Amino acid sequence: MTAARRFVRDALGDRSTEIVEAAELMTSELASNCIRHAHTEFELSVRSRKEIRIEVRDTGDGRPELRSPRPEEPSGRGLRIVEALSSSWGVAPSSGGKVVWFTIAQPRGAAAAAASRSR
């Protein structure tokens, strides 16, 4: 998961520390789910224009489930973290698997500043 977090940090390096840390955490949770539950490798993409959108694609069959684990259960909170920290999230089928994605709203002015830097 270190490489996935680094990829997100590098892609969002000009954003606030709070946004980058939230994106890293949510990416790590989704990437971990690919390995732990789908038993596949994953592909990661980061887009940031009007909002930040991060997608984690895998080739597993299953569909992620939002769980409500009891306090003594050691796992099952990843999608709850994504739900709490993101503006929106979802799952979409893709050829040979699925994409789990989330978005983070950018503060006003951040999208315009990012667009002018990338020109």
PDB file of N, CA and C in Angstrom:
ATOM      1  N   MET A   1       0.800  -1.192   0.000  1.00  0.00           N
ATOM      2  CA  MET A   1       0.000   0.000   0.000  1.00  0.00           C
ATOM      3  C   MET A   1       0.854   1.272   0.000  1.00  0.00           C
ATOM      4  N   THR A   2       2.093   1.117   0.354  1.00  0.00           N
ATOM      5  CA  THR A   2       2.990   2.269   0.375  1.00  0.00           C
ATOM      6  C   THR A   2       3.103   2.915  -1.000  1.00  0.00           C
ATOM      7  N   ALA A   3       3.227   2.102  -2.038  1.00  0.00           N
ATOM      8  CA  ALA A   3       3.353   2.645  -3.391  1.00  0.00           C
ATOM      9  C   ALA A   3       2.080   3.366  -3.814  1.00  0.00           C
ATOM     10  N   ALA A   4       0.923   2.834  -3.463  1.00  0.00           N
ATOM     11  CA  ALA A   4      -0.346   3.490  -3.806  1.00  0.00           C
ATOM     12  C   ALA A   4      -0.460   4.837  -3.100  1.00  0.00           C
ATOM     13  N   ARG A   5      -0.108   4.869  -1.824  1.00  0.00           N
ATOM     14  CA  ARG A   5      -0.163   6.135  -1.083  1.00  0.00           C
ATOM     15  C   ARG A   5       0.800   7.162  -1.668  1.00  0.00           C
ATOM     16  N   ARG A   6       1.989   6.720  -2.030  1.00  0.00           N
ATOM     17  CA  ARG A   6       2.989   7.618  -2.623  1.00  0.00           C
ATOM     18  C   ARG A   6       2.495   8.166  -3.965  1.00  0.00           C
ATOM     19  N   PHE A   7       1.873   7.303  -4.783  1.00  0.00           N
ATOM     20  CA  PHE A   7       1.334   7.718  -6.072  1.00  0.00           C
ATOM     21  C   PHE A   7       0.313   8.839  -5.884  1.00  0.00           C
ATOM     22  N   VAL A   8      -0.594   8.670  -4.922  1.00  0.00           N
ATOM     23  CA  VAL A   8      -1.614   9.690  -4.646  1.00  0.00           C
ATOM     24  C   VAL A   8      -0.965  10.961  -4.116  1.00  0.00           C
ATOM     25  N   ARG A   9      -0.033  10.820  -3.202  1.00  0.00           N
ATOM     26  CA  ARG A   9       0.661  11.984  -2.637  1.00  0.00           C
ATOM     27  C   ARG A   9       1.359  12.784  -3.736  1.00  0.00           C
ATOM     28  N   ASP A  10       2.026  12.089  -4.656  1.00  0.00           N
ATOM     29  CA  ASP A  10       2.707  12.767  -5.756  1.00  0.00           C
ATOM     30  C   ASP A  10       1.706  13.445  -6.694  1.00  0.00           C
ATOM     31  N   ALA A  11       0.603  12.766  -6.990  1.00  0.00           N
ATOM     32  CA  ALA A  11      -0.396  13.319  -7.906  1.00  0.00           C
ATOM     33  C   ALA A  11      -1.103  14.539  -7.316  1.00  0.00           C
ATOM     34  N   LEU A  12      -1.246  14.565  -6.008  1.00  0.00           N
ATOM     35  CA  LEU A  12      -1.986  15.655  -5.345  1.00  0.00           C
ATOM     36  C   LEU A  12      -1.068  16.551  -4.522  1.00  0.00           C
ATOM     37  N   GLY A  13       0.193  16.548  -4.847  1.00  0.00           N
ATOM     38  CA  GLY A  13       1.188  17.256  -4.049  1.00  0.00           C
ATOM     39  C   GLY A  13       0.935  18.722  -3.820  1.00  0.00           C
ATOM     40  N   ASP A  14       0.176  19.371  -4.707  1.00  0.00           N
ATOM     41  CA  ASP A  14      -0.072  20.799  -4.540  1.00  0.00           C
ATOM     42  C   ASP A  14      -1.354  21.088  -3.755  1.00  0.00           C
ATOM     43  N   ARG A  15      -2.023  20.057  -3.262  1.00  0.00           N
ATOM     44  CA  ARG A  15      -3.250  20.240  -2.479  1.00  0.00           C
ATOM     45  C   ARG A  15      -2.899  20.343  -0.997  1.00  0.00           C
ATOM     46  N   SER A  16      -3.892  20.690  -0.202  1.00  0.00           N
ATOM     47  CA  SER A  16      -3.658  20.833   1.233  1.00  0.00           C
ATOM     48  C   SER A  16      -3.286  19.485   1.856  1.00  0.00           C
ATOM     49  N   THR A  17      -2.579  19.551   2.960  1.00  0.00           N
ATOM     50  CA  THR A  17      -2.179  18.338   3.679  1.00  0.00           C
ATOM     51  C   THR A  17      -3.398  17.508   4.058  1.00  0.00           C
ATOM     52  N   GLU A  18      -4.480  18.157   4.480  1.00  0.00           N
ATOM     53  CA  GLU A  18      -5.687  17.438   4.895  1.00  0.00           C
ATOM     54  C   GLU A  18      -6.277  16.643   3.738  1.00  0.00           C
ATOM     55  N   ILE A  19      -6.339  17.255   2.555  1.00  0.00           N
ATOM     56  CA  ILE A  19      -6.893  16.561   1.387  1.00  0.00           C
ATOM     57  C   ILE A  19      -5.987  15.405   0.985  1.00  0.00           C
ATOM     58  N   VAL A  20      -4.697  15.632   0.936  1.00  0.00           N
ATOM     59  CA  VAL A  20      -3.761  14.585   0.533  1.00  0.00           C
ATOM     60  C   VAL A  20      -3.818  13.414   1.514  1.00  0.00           C
ATOM     61  N   GLU A  21      -3.816  13.681   2.804  1.00  0.00           N
ATOM     62  CA  GLU A  21      -3.855  12.598   3.795  1.00  0.00           C
ATOM     63  C   GLU A  21      -5.153  11.811   3.721  1.00  0.00           C
ATOM     64  N   ALA A  22      -6.278  12.490   3.522  1.00  0.00           N
ATOM     65  CA  ALA A  22      -7.564  11.786   3.388  1.00  0.00           C
ATOM     66  C   ALA A  22      -7.552  10.913   2.131  1.00  0.00           C
ATOM     67  N   ALA A  23      -7.049  11.450   1.028  1.00  0.00           N
ATOM     68  CA  ALA A  23      -6.980  10.689  -0.220  1.00  0.00           C
ATOM     69  C   ALA A  23      -6.065   9.477  -0.083  1.00  0.00           C
ATOM     70  N   GLU A  24      -4.939   9.650   0.581  1.00  0.00           N
ATOM     71  CA  GLU A  24      -4.020   8.527   0.805  1.00  0.00           C
ATOM     72  C   GLU A  24      -4.688   7.425   1.630  1.00  0.00           C
ATOM     73  N   LEU A  25      -5.357   7.816   2.696  1.00  0.00           N
ATOM     74  CA  LEU A  25      -6.015   6.831   3.563  1.00  0.00           C
ATOM     75  C   LEU A  25      -7.098   6.067   2.813  1.00  0.00           C
ATOM     76  N   MET A  26      -7.954   6.794   2.092  1.00  0.00           N
ATOM     77  CA  MET A  26      -9.035   6.119   1.368  1.00  0.00           C
ATOM     78  C   MET A  26      -8.489   5.225   0.261  1.00  0.00           C
ATOM     79  N   THR A  27      -7.461   5.671  -0.432  1.00  0.00           N
ATOM     80  CA  THR A  27      -6.837   4.852  -1.469  1.00  0.00           C
ATOM     81  C   THR A  27      -6.263   3.581  -0.866  1.00  0.00           C
ATOM     82  N   SER A  28      -5.605   3.710   0.260  1.00  0.00           N
ATOM     83  CA  SER A  28      -5.022   2.556   0.933  1.00  0.00           C
ATOM     84  C   SER A  28      -6.104   1.544   1.311  1.00  0.00           C
ATOM     85  N   GLU A  29      -7.234   2.035   1.790  1.00  0.00           N
ATOM     86  CA  GLU A  29      -8.338   1.142   2.159  1.00  0.00           C
ATOM     87  C   GLU A  29      -8.853   0.386   0.940  1.00  0.00           C
ATOM     88  N   LEU A  30      -9.060   1.092  -0.177  1.00  0.00           N
ATOM     89  CA  LEU A  30      -9.586   0.435  -1.374  1.00  0.00           C
ATOM     90  C   LEU A  30      -8.576  -0.526  -1.975  1.00  0.00           C
ATOM     91  N   ALA A  31      -7.305  -0.149  -1.995  1.00  0.00           N
ATOM     92  CA  ALA A  31      -6.268  -1.031  -2.523  1.00  0.00           C
ATOM     93  C   ALA A  31      -6.141  -2.289  -1.660  1.00  0.00           C
ATOM     94  N   SER A  32      -6.227  -2.114  -0.355  1.00  0.00           N
ATOM     95  CA  SER A  32      -6.172  -3.267   0.556  1.00  0.00           C
ATOM     96  C   SER A  32      -7.328  -4.219   0.285  1.00  0.00           C
ATOM     97  N   ASN A  33      -8.514  -3.672   0.003  1.00  0.00           N
ATOM     98  CA  ASN A  33      -9.668  -4.520  -0.293  1.00  0.00           C
ATOM     99  C   ASN A  33      -9.427  -5.364  -1.541  1.00  0.00           C
ATOM    100  N   CYS A  34      -8.748  -4.799  -2.542  1.00  0.00           N
ATOM    101  CA  CYS A  34      -8.449  -5.567  -3.758  1.00  0.00           C
ATOM    102  C   CYS A  34      -7.620  -6.803  -3.422  1.00  0.00           C
ATOM    103  N   ILE A  35      -6.622  -6.593  -2.625  1.00  0.00           N
ATOM    104  CA  ILE A  35      -5.713  -7.689  -2.289  1.00  0.00           C
ATOM    105  C   ILE A  35      -6.361  -8.668  -1.309  1.00  0.00           C
ATOM    106  N   ARG A  36      -7.014  -8.143  -0.304  1.00  0.00           N
ATOM    107  CA  ARG A  36      -7.564  -8.982   0.768  1.00  0.00           C
ATOM    108  C   ARG A  36      -8.837  -9.719   0.361  1.00  0.00           C
ATOM    109  N   HIS A  37      -9.739  -9.038  -0.340  1.00  0.00           N
ATOM    110  CA  HIS A  37     -11.044  -9.631  -0.627  1.00  0.00           C
ATOM    111  C   HIS A  37     -11.203 -10.085  -2.082  1.00  0.00           C
ATOM    112  N   ALA A  38     -10.729  -9.279  -3.030  1.00  0.00           N
ATOM    113  CA  ALA A  38     -10.859  -9.658  -4.440  1.00  0.00           C
ATOM    114  C   ALA A  38      -9.724 -10.587  -4.863  1.00  0.00           C
ATOM    115  N   HIS A  39      -8.648 -10.599  -4.075  1.00  0.00           N
ATOM    116  CA  HIS A  39      -7.482 -11.447  -4.367  1.00  0.00           C
ATOM    117  C   HIS A  39      -6.895 -11.140  -5.743  1.00  0.00           C
ATOM    118  N   THR A  40      -6.829  -9.846  -6.077  1.00  0.00           N
ATOM    119  CA  THR A  40      -6.260  -9.440  -7.354  1.00  0.00           C
ATOM    120  C   THR A  40      -5.326  -8.252  -7.148  1.00  0.00           C
ATOM    121  N   GLU A  41      -4.552  -8.002  -8.168  1.00  0.00           N
ATOM    122  CA  GLU A  41      -3.787  -6.758  -8.208  1.00  0.00           C
ATOM    123  C   GLU A  41      -4.768  -5.646  -8.537  1.00  0.00           C
ATOM    124  N   PHE A  42      -4.306  -4.410  -8.524  1.00  0.00           N
ATOM    125  CA  PHE A  42      -5.197  -3.292  -8.804  1.00  0.00           C
ATOM    126  C   PHE A  42      -4.506  -2.262  -9.663  1.00  0.00           C
ATOM    127  N   GLU A  43      -5.322  -1.429 -10.279  1.00  0.00           N
ATOM    128  CA  GLU A  43      -4.849  -0.309 -11.086  1.00  0.00           C
ATOM    129  C   GLU A  43      -5.435   0.952 -10.464  1.00  0.00           C
ATOM    130  N   LEU A  44      -4.626   1.969 -10.342  1.00  0.00           N
ATOM    131  CA  LEU A  44      -5.017   3.193  -9.644  1.00  0.00           C
ATOM    132  C   LEU A  44      -4.968   4.374 -10.598  1.00  0.00           C
ATOM    133  N   SER A  45      -6.005   5.225 -10.554  1.00  0.00           N
ATOM    134  CA  SER A  45      -5.963   6.456 -11.340  1.00  0.00           C
ATOM    135  C   SER A  45      -6.428   7.621 -10.475  1.00  0.00           C
ATOM    136  N   VAL A  46      -5.826   8.776 -10.723  1.00  0.00           N
ATOM    137  CA  VAL A  46      -6.137   9.998  -9.984  1.00  0.00           C
ATOM    138  C   VAL A  46      -6.418  11.093 -10.999  1.00  0.00           C
ATOM    139  N   ARG A  47      -7.571  11.733 -10.873  1.00  0.00           N
ATOM    140  CA  ARG A  47      -7.916  12.887 -11.703  1.00  0.00           C
ATOM    141  C   ARG A  47      -8.302  14.035 -10.787  1.00  0.00           C
ATOM    142  N   SER A  48      -7.897  15.228 -11.137  1.00  0.00           N
ATOM    143  CA  SER A  48      -8.284  16.377 -10.305  1.00  0.00           C
ATOM    144  C   SER A  48      -8.508  17.598 -11.179  1.00  0.00           C
ATOM    145  N   ARG A  49      -9.736  17.852 -11.446  1.00  0.00           N
ATOM    146  CA  ARG A  49     -10.143  19.073 -12.147  1.00  0.00           C
ATOM    147  C   ARG A  49     -11.085  19.827 -11.210  1.00  0.00           C
ATOM    148  N   LYS A  50     -12.384  19.744 -11.443  1.00  0.00           N
ATOM    149  CA  LYS A  50     -13.337  20.414 -10.549  1.00  0.00           C
ATOM    150  C   LYS A  50     -13.366  19.739  -9.187  1.00  0.00           C
ATOM    151  N   GLU A  51     -13.150  18.435  -9.199  1.00  0.00           N
ATOM    152  CA  GLU A  51     -13.062  17.670  -7.960  1.00  0.00           C
ATOM    153  C   GLU A  51     -11.957  16.636  -8.144  1.00  0.00           C
ATOM    154  N   ILE A  52     -11.534  16.072  -7.047  1.00  0.00           N
ATOM    155  CA  ILE A  52     -10.540  15.004  -7.103  1.00  0.00           C
ATOM    156  C   ILE A  52     -11.317  13.694  -7.200  1.00  0.00           C
ATOM    157  N   ARG A  53     -10.941  12.853  -8.156  1.00  0.00           N
ATOM    158  CA  ARG A  53     -11.571  11.539  -8.297  1.00  0.00           C
ATOM    159  C   ARG A  53     -10.463  10.498  -8.360  1.00  0.00           C
ATOM    160  N   ILE A  54     -10.564   9.536  -7.476  1.00  0.00           N
ATOM    161  CA  ILE A  54      -9.591   8.442  -7.437  1.00  0.00           C
ATOM    162  C   ILE A  54     -10.346   7.147  -7.686  1.00  0.00           C
ATOM    163  N   GLU A  55      -9.800   6.344  -8.598  1.00  0.00           N
ATOM    164  CA  GLU A  55     -10.412   5.071  -8.955  1.00  0.00           C
ATOM    165  C   GLU A  55      -9.426   3.937  -8.716  1.00  0.00           C
ATOM    166  N   VAL A  56      -9.945   2.851  -8.148  1.00  0.00           N
ATOM    167  CA  VAL A  56      -9.157   1.643  -7.937  1.00  0.00           C
ATOM    168  C   VAL A  56      -9.869   0.517  -8.684  1.00  0.00           C
ATOM    169  N   ARG A  57      -9.195  -0.023  -9.689  1.00  0.00           N
ATOM    170  CA  ARG A  57      -9.784  -1.051 -10.561  1.00  0.00           C
ATOM    171  C   ARG A  57      -9.155  -2.404 -10.222  1.00  0.00           C
ATOM    172  N   ASP A  58     -10.001  -3.437 -10.131  1.00  0.00           N
ATOM    173  CA  ASP A  58      -9.494  -4.787  -9.936  1.00  0.00           C
ATOM    174  C   ASP A  58     -10.227  -5.749 -10.855  1.00  0.00           C
ATOM    175  N   THR A  59      -9.799  -6.993 -10.873  1.00  0.00           N
ATOM    176  CA  THR A  59     -10.413  -7.998 -11.732  1.00  0.00           C
ATOM    177  C   THR A  59     -11.202  -9.023 -10.938  1.00  0.00           C
ATOM    178  N   GLY A  60     -11.517  -8.716  -9.697  1.00  0.00           N
ATOM    179  CA  GLY A  60     -12.279  -9.638  -8.861  1.00  0.00           C
ATOM    180  C   GLY A  60     -13.754  -9.670  -9.231  1.00  0.00           C
ATOM    181  N   ASP A  61     -14.403 -10.762  -8.842  1.00  0.00           N
ATOM    182  CA  ASP A  61     -15.817 -10.958  -9.146  1.00  0.00           C
ATOM    183  C   ASP A  61     -16.746 -10.200  -8.201  1.00  0.00           C
ATOM    184  N   GLY A  62     -16.430 -10.196  -6.930  1.00  0.00           N
ATOM    185  CA  GLY A  62     -17.351  -9.683  -5.920  1.00  0.00           C
ATOM    186  C   GLY A  62     -17.590  -8.193  -6.000  1.00  0.00           C
ATOM    187  N   ARG A  63     -18.528  -7.760  -5.201  1.00  0.00           N
ATOM    188  CA  ARG A  63     -18.859  -6.342  -5.086  1.00  0.00           C
ATOM    189  C   ARG A  63     -18.632  -5.933  -3.637  1.00  0.00           C
ATOM    190  N   PRO A  64     -17.936  -4.823  -3.402  1.00  0.00           N
ATOM    191  CA  PRO A  64     -17.672  -4.385  -2.025  1.00  0.00           C
ATOM    192  C   PRO A  64     -18.974  -4.145  -1.253  1.00  0.00           C
ATOM    193  N   GLU A  65     -18.946  -4.477   0.013  1.00  0.00           N
ATOM    194  CA  GLU A  65     -20.119  -4.297   0.871  1.00  0.00           C
ATOM    195  C   GLU A  65     -19.778  -3.347   2.007  1.00  0.00           C
ATOM    196  N   LEU A  66     -20.667  -2.402   2.220  1.00  0.00           N
ATOM    197  CA  LEU A  66     -20.537  -1.494   3.353  1.00  0.00           C
ATOM    198  C   LEU A  66     -20.951  -2.279   4.592  1.00  0.00           C
ATOM    199  N   ARG A  67     -20.022  -2.482   5.514  1.00  0.00           N
ATOM    200  CA  ARG A  67     -20.290  -3.291   6.707  1.00  0.00           C
ATOM    201  C   ARG A  67     -20.404  -2.415   7.933  1.00  0.00           C
ATOM    202  N   SER A  68     -20.953  -2.988   8.973  1.00  0.00           N
ATOM    203  CA  SER A  68     -21.047  -2.337  10.280  1.00  0.00           C
ATOM    204  C   SER A  68     -20.477  -3.295  11.321  1.00  0.00           C
ATOM    205  N   PRO A  69     -19.148  -3.385  11.382  1.00  0.00           N
ATOM    206  CA  PRO A  69     -18.538  -4.345  12.308  1.00  0.00           C
ATOM    207  C   PRO A  69     -18.721  -3.936  13.768  1.00  0.00           C
ATOM    208  N   ARG A  70     -18.762  -4.939  14.607  1.00  0.00           N
ATOM    209  CA  ARG A  70     -18.822  -4.690  16.051  1.00  0.00           C
ATOM    210  C   ARG A  70     -17.451  -4.187  16.506  1.00  0.00           C
ATOM    211  N   PRO A  71     -17.381  -3.486  17.630  1.00  0.00           N
ATOM    212  CA  PRO A  71     -16.108  -2.924  18.090  1.00  0.00           C
ATOM    213  C   PRO A  71     -14.983  -3.962  18.221  1.00  0.00           C
ATOM    214  N   GLU A  72     -15.319  -5.193  18.575  1.00  0.00           N
ATOM    215  CA  GLU A  72     -14.278  -6.205  18.758  1.00  0.00           C
ATOM    216  C   GLU A  72     -13.806  -6.840  17.446  1.00  0.00           C
ATOM    217  N   GLU A  73     -14.489  -6.560  16.344  1.00  0.00           N
ATOM    218  CA  GLU A  73     -14.055  -7.095  15.055  1.00  0.00           C
ATOM    219  C   GLU A  73     -12.867  -6.278  14.543  1.00  0.00           C
ATOM    220  N   PRO A  74     -11.808  -6.950  14.111  1.00  0.00           N
ATOM    221  CA  PRO A  74     -10.589  -6.236  13.722  1.00  0.00           C
ATOM    222  C   PRO A  74     -10.624  -5.601  12.334  1.00  0.00           C
ATOM    223  N   SER A  75     -11.622  -5.906  11.513  1.00  0.00           N
ATOM    224  CA  SER A  75     -11.658  -5.347  10.160  1.00  0.00           C
ATOM    225  C   SER A  75     -13.094  -5.038   9.755  1.00  0.00           C
ATOM    226  N   GLY A  76     -13.249  -4.520   8.544  1.00  0.00           N
ATOM    227  CA  GLY A  76     -14.586  -4.243   8.024  1.00  0.00           C
ATOM    228  C   GLY A  76     -14.974  -2.778   8.050  1.00  0.00           C
ATOM    229  N   ARG A  77     -14.010  -1.895   8.300  1.00  0.00           N
ATOM    230  CA  ARG A  77     -14.315  -0.468   8.418  1.00  0.00           C
ATOM    231  C   ARG A  77     -13.860   0.366   7.218  1.00  0.00           C
ATOM    232  N   GLY A  78     -13.196  -0.254   6.260  1.00  0.00           N
ATOM    233  CA  GLY A  78     -12.600   0.474   5.145  1.00  0.00           C
ATOM    234  C   GLY A  78     -13.588   1.317   4.362  1.00  0.00           C
ATOM    235  N   LEU A  79     -14.703   0.720   3.950  1.00  0.00           N
ATOM    236  CA  LEU A  79     -15.676   1.494   3.181  1.00  0.00           C
ATOM    237  C   LEU A  79     -16.384   2.530   4.048  1.00  0.00           C
ATOM    238  N   ARG A  80     -16.488   2.279   5.336  1.00  0.00           N
ATOM    239  CA  ARG A  80     -17.056   3.305   6.241  1.00  0.00           C
ATOM    240  C   ARG A  80     -16.135   4.527   6.283  1.00  0.00           C
ATOM    241  N   ILE A  81     -14.834   4.284   6.268  1.00  0.00           N
ATOM    242  CA  ILE A  81     -13.866   5.381   6.236  1.00  0.00           C
ATOM    243  C   ILE A  81     -14.023   6.159   4.936  1.00  0.00           C
ATOM    244  N   VAL A  82     -14.128   5.452   3.821  1.00  0.00           N
ATOM    245  CA  VAL A  82     -14.306   6.105   2.518  1.00  0.00           C
ATOM    246  C   VAL A  82     -15.611   6.904   2.516  1.00  0.00           C
ATOM    247  N   GLU A  83     -16.667   6.318   3.030  1.00  0.00           N
ATOM    248  CA  GLU A  83     -17.964   7.006   3.087  1.00  0.00           C
ATOM    249  C   GLU A  83     -17.879   8.291   3.921  1.00  0.00           C
ATOM    250  N   ALA A  84     -17.160   8.233   5.024  1.00  0.00           N
ATOM    251  CA  ALA A  84     -17.069   9.385   5.927  1.00  0.00           C
ATOM    252  C   ALA A  84     -16.192  10.506   5.386  1.00  0.00           C
ATOM    253  N   LEU A  85     -15.118  10.169   4.685  1.00  0.00           N
ATOM    254  CA  LEU A  85     -14.146  11.174   4.260  1.00  0.00           C
ATOM    255  C   LEU A  85     -14.350  11.710   2.850  1.00  0.00           C
ATOM    256  N   SER A  86     -15.101  10.991   2.037  1.00  0.00           N
ATOM    257  CA  SER A  86     -15.262  11.410   0.639  1.00  0.00           C
ATOM    258  C   SER A  86     -16.520  12.253   0.453  1.00  0.00           C
ATOM    259  N   SER A  87     -16.561  12.959  -0.670  1.00  0.00           N
ATOM    260  CA  SER A  87     -17.780  13.678  -1.053  1.00  0.00           C
ATOM    261  C   SER A  87     -18.798  12.687  -1.595  1.00  0.00           C
ATOM    262  N   SER A  88     -18.315  11.696  -2.338  1.00  0.00           N
ATOM    263  CA  SER A  88     -19.159  10.623  -2.869  1.00  0.00           C
ATOM    264  C   SER A  88     -18.259   9.434  -3.181  1.00  0.00           C
ATOM    265  N   TRP A  89     -18.874   8.277  -3.324  1.00  0.00           N
ATOM    266  CA  TRP A  89     -18.129   7.091  -3.697  1.00  0.00           C
ATOM    267  C   TRP A  89     -19.087   6.097  -4.336  1.00  0.00           C
ATOM    268  N   GLY A  90     -18.541   5.116  -5.024  1.00  0.00           N
ATOM    269  CA  GLY A  90     -19.389   4.113  -5.640  1.00  0.00           C
ATOM    270  C   GLY A  90     -18.581   2.997  -6.263  1.00  0.00           C
ATOM    271  N   VAL A  91     -19.326   2.092  -6.878  1.00  0.00           N
ATOM    272  CA  VAL A  91     -18.740   0.928  -7.548  1.00  0.00           C
ATOM    273  C   VAL A  91     -19.355   0.855  -8.935  1.00  0.00           C
ATOM    274  N   ALA A  92     -18.531   0.630  -9.938  1.00  0.00           N
ATOM    275  CA  ALA A  92     -19.010   0.487 -11.310  1.00  0.00           C
ATOM    276  C   ALA A  92     -18.363  -0.747 -11.932  1.00  0.00           C
ATOM    277  N   PRO A  93     -19.156  -1.509 -12.684  1.00  0.00           N
ATOM    278  CA  PRO A  93     -18.549  -2.652 -13.371  1.00  0.00           C
ATOM    279  C   PRO A  93     -17.589  -2.157 -14.450  1.00  0.00           C
ATOM    280  N   SER A  94     -16.566  -2.929 -14.693  1.00  0.00           N
ATOM    281  CA  SER A  94     -15.642  -2.631 -15.789  1.00  0.00           C
ATOM    282  C   SER A  94     -15.309  -3.946 -16.475  1.00  0.00           C
ATOM    283  N   SER A  95     -14.705  -3.870 -17.623  1.00  0.00           N
ATOM    284  CA  SER A  95     -14.394  -5.109 -18.336  1.00  0.00           C
ATOM    285  C   SER A  95     -13.478  -5.972 -17.472  1.00  0.00           C
ATOM    286  N   GLY A  96     -13.964  -7.134 -17.147  1.00  0.00           N
ATOM    287  CA  GLY A  96     -13.176  -8.068 -16.364  1.00  0.00           C
ATOM    288  C   GLY A  96     -13.059  -7.738 -14.895  1.00  0.00           C
ATOM    289  N   GLY A  97     -13.961  -6.949 -14.341  1.00  0.00           N
ATOM    290  CA  GLY A  97     -13.889  -6.645 -12.909  1.00  0.00           C
ATOM    291  C   GLY A  97     -14.752  -5.468 -12.524  1.00  0.00           C
ATOM    292  N   LYS A  98     -14.198  -4.596 -11.712  1.00  0.00           N
ATOM    293  CA  LYS A  98     -14.955  -3.446 -11.213  1.00  0.00           C
ATOM    294  C   LYS A  98     -14.018  -2.297 -10.888  1.00  0.00           C
ATOM    295  N   VAL A  99     -14.613  -1.118 -10.741  1.00  0.00           N
ATOM    296  CA  VAL A  99     -13.904   0.072 -10.314  1.00  0.00           C
ATOM    297  C   VAL A  99     -14.605   0.592  -9.072  1.00  0.00           C
ATOM    298  N   VAL A 100     -13.849   0.784  -8.018  1.00  0.00           N
ATOM    299  CA  VAL A 100     -14.369   1.444  -6.821  1.00  0.00           C
ATOM    300  C   VAL A 100     -13.738   2.827  -6.825  1.00  0.00           C
ATOM    301  N   TRP A 101     -14.565   3.857  -6.692  1.00  0.00           N
ATOM    302  CA  TRP A 101     -14.083   5.226  -6.829  1.00  0.00           C
ATOM    303  C   TRP A 101     -14.594   6.089  -5.674  1.00  0.00           C
ATOM    304  N   PHE A 102     -13.899   7.200  -5.480  1.00  0.00           N
ATOM    305  CA  PHE A 102     -14.384   8.218  -4.552  1.00  0.00           C
ATOM    306  C   PHE A 102     -13.977   9.582  -5.067  1.00  0.00           C
ATOM    307  N   THR A 103     -14.707  10.583  -4.611  1.00  0.00           N
ATOM    308  CA  THR A 103     -14.386  11.963  -4.965  1.00  0.00           C
ATOM    309  C   THR A 103     -14.176  12.770  -3.690  1.00  0.00           C
ATOM    310  N   ILE A 104     -13.395  13.819  -3.846  1.00  0.00           N
ATOM    311  CA  ILE A 104     -13.168  14.788  -2.773  1.00  0.00           C
ATOM    312  C   ILE A 104     -13.388  16.158  -3.392  1.00  0.00           C
ATOM    313  N   ALA A 105     -14.283  16.927  -2.816  1.00  0.00           N
ATOM    314  CA  ALA A 105     -14.512  18.282  -3.322  1.00  0.00           C
ATOM    315  C   ALA A 105     -13.296  19.133  -3.017  1.00  0.00           C
ATOM    316  N   GLN A 106     -12.935  19.985  -3.963  1.00  0.00           N
ATOM    317  CA  GLN A 106     -11.821  20.891  -3.749  1.00  0.00           C
ATOM    318  C   GLN A 106     -12.356  22.213  -3.212  1.00  0.00           C
ATOM    319  N   PRO A 107     -11.622  22.837  -2.335  1.00  0.00           N
ATOM    320  CA  PRO A 107     -12.048  24.154  -1.854  1.00  0.00           C
ATOM    321  C   PRO A 107     -12.170  25.123  -3.022  1.00  0.00           C
ATOM    322  N   ARG A 108     -13.037  26.100  -2.884  1.00  0.00           N
ATOM    323  CA  ARG A 108     -13.218  27.101  -3.944  1.00  0.00           C
ATOM    324  C   ARG A 108     -11.885  27.703  -4.343  1.00  0.00           C
ATOM    325  N   GLY A 109     -11.706  27.837  -5.624  1.00  0.00           N
ATOM    326  CA  GLY A 109     -10.469  28.436  -6.127  1.00  0.00           C
ATOM    327  C   GLY A 109      -9.363  27.418  -6.367  1.00  0.00           C
ATOM    328  N   ALA A 110      -9.406  26.282  -5.696  1.00  0.00           N
ATOM    329  CA  ALA A 110      -8.344  25.279  -5.845  1.00  0.00           C
ATOM    330  C   ALA A 110      -8.359  24.649  -7.228  1.00  0.00           C
ATOM    331  N   ALA A 111      -9.550  24.374  -7.765  1.00  0.00           N
ATOM    332  CA  ALA A 111      -9.648  23.748  -9.088  1.00  0.00           C
ATOM    333  C   ALA A 111      -9.114  24.695 -10.163  1.00  0.00           C
ATOM    334  N   ALA A 112      -9.463  25.967 -10.077  1.00  0.00           N
ATOM    335  CA  ALA A 112      -8.982  26.932 -11.066  1.00  0.00           C
ATOM    336  C   ALA A 112      -7.472  27.082 -10.976  1.00  0.00           C
ATOM    337  N   ALA A 113      -6.952  27.122  -9.775  1.00  0.00           N
ATOM    338  CA  ALA A 113      -5.505  27.243  -9.598  1.00  0.00           C
ATOM    339  C   ALA A 113      -4.797  26.015 -10.148  1.00  0.00           C
ATOM    340  N   ALA A 114      -5.351  24.818  -9.903  1.00  0.00           N
ATOM    341  CA  ALA A 114      -4.748  23.591 -10.398  1.00  0.00           C
ATOM    342  C   ALA A 114      -4.780  23.541 -11.920  1.00  0.00           C
ATOM    343  N   ALA A 115      -5.886  23.988 -12.507  1.00  0.00           N
ATOM    344  CA  ALA A 115      -5.998  23.987 -13.966  1.00  0.00           C
ATOM    345  C   ALA A 115      -5.002  24.946 -14.606  1.00  0.00           C
ATOM    346  N   SER A 116      -4.803  26.100 -13.998  1.00  0.00           N
ATOM    347  CA  SER A 116      -3.862  27.047 -14.584  1.00  0.00           C
ATOM    348  C   SER A 116      -2.422  26.570 -14.442  1.00  0.00           C
ATOM    349  N   ARG A 117      -2.116  25.802 -13.393  1.00  0.00           N
ATOM    350  CA  ARG A 117      -0.763  25.250 -13.222  1.00  0.00           C
ATOM    351  C   ARG A 117      -0.486  24.141 -14.219  1.00  0.00           C
ATOM    352  N   SER A 118      -1.530  23.399 -14.620  1.00  0.00           N
ATOM    353  CA  SER A 118      -1.313  22.249 -15.511  1.00  0.00           C
ATOM    354  C   SER A 118      -1.296  22.649 -16.980  1.00  0.00           C
ATOM    355  N   ARG A 119      -1.504  23.900 -17.313  1.00  0.00           N
ATOM    356  CA  ARG A 119      -1.506  24.336 -18.732  1.00  0.00           C
ATOM    357  C   ARG A 119      -0.114  24.456 -19.265  1.00  0.00           C
TER     358      ARG A 119
END
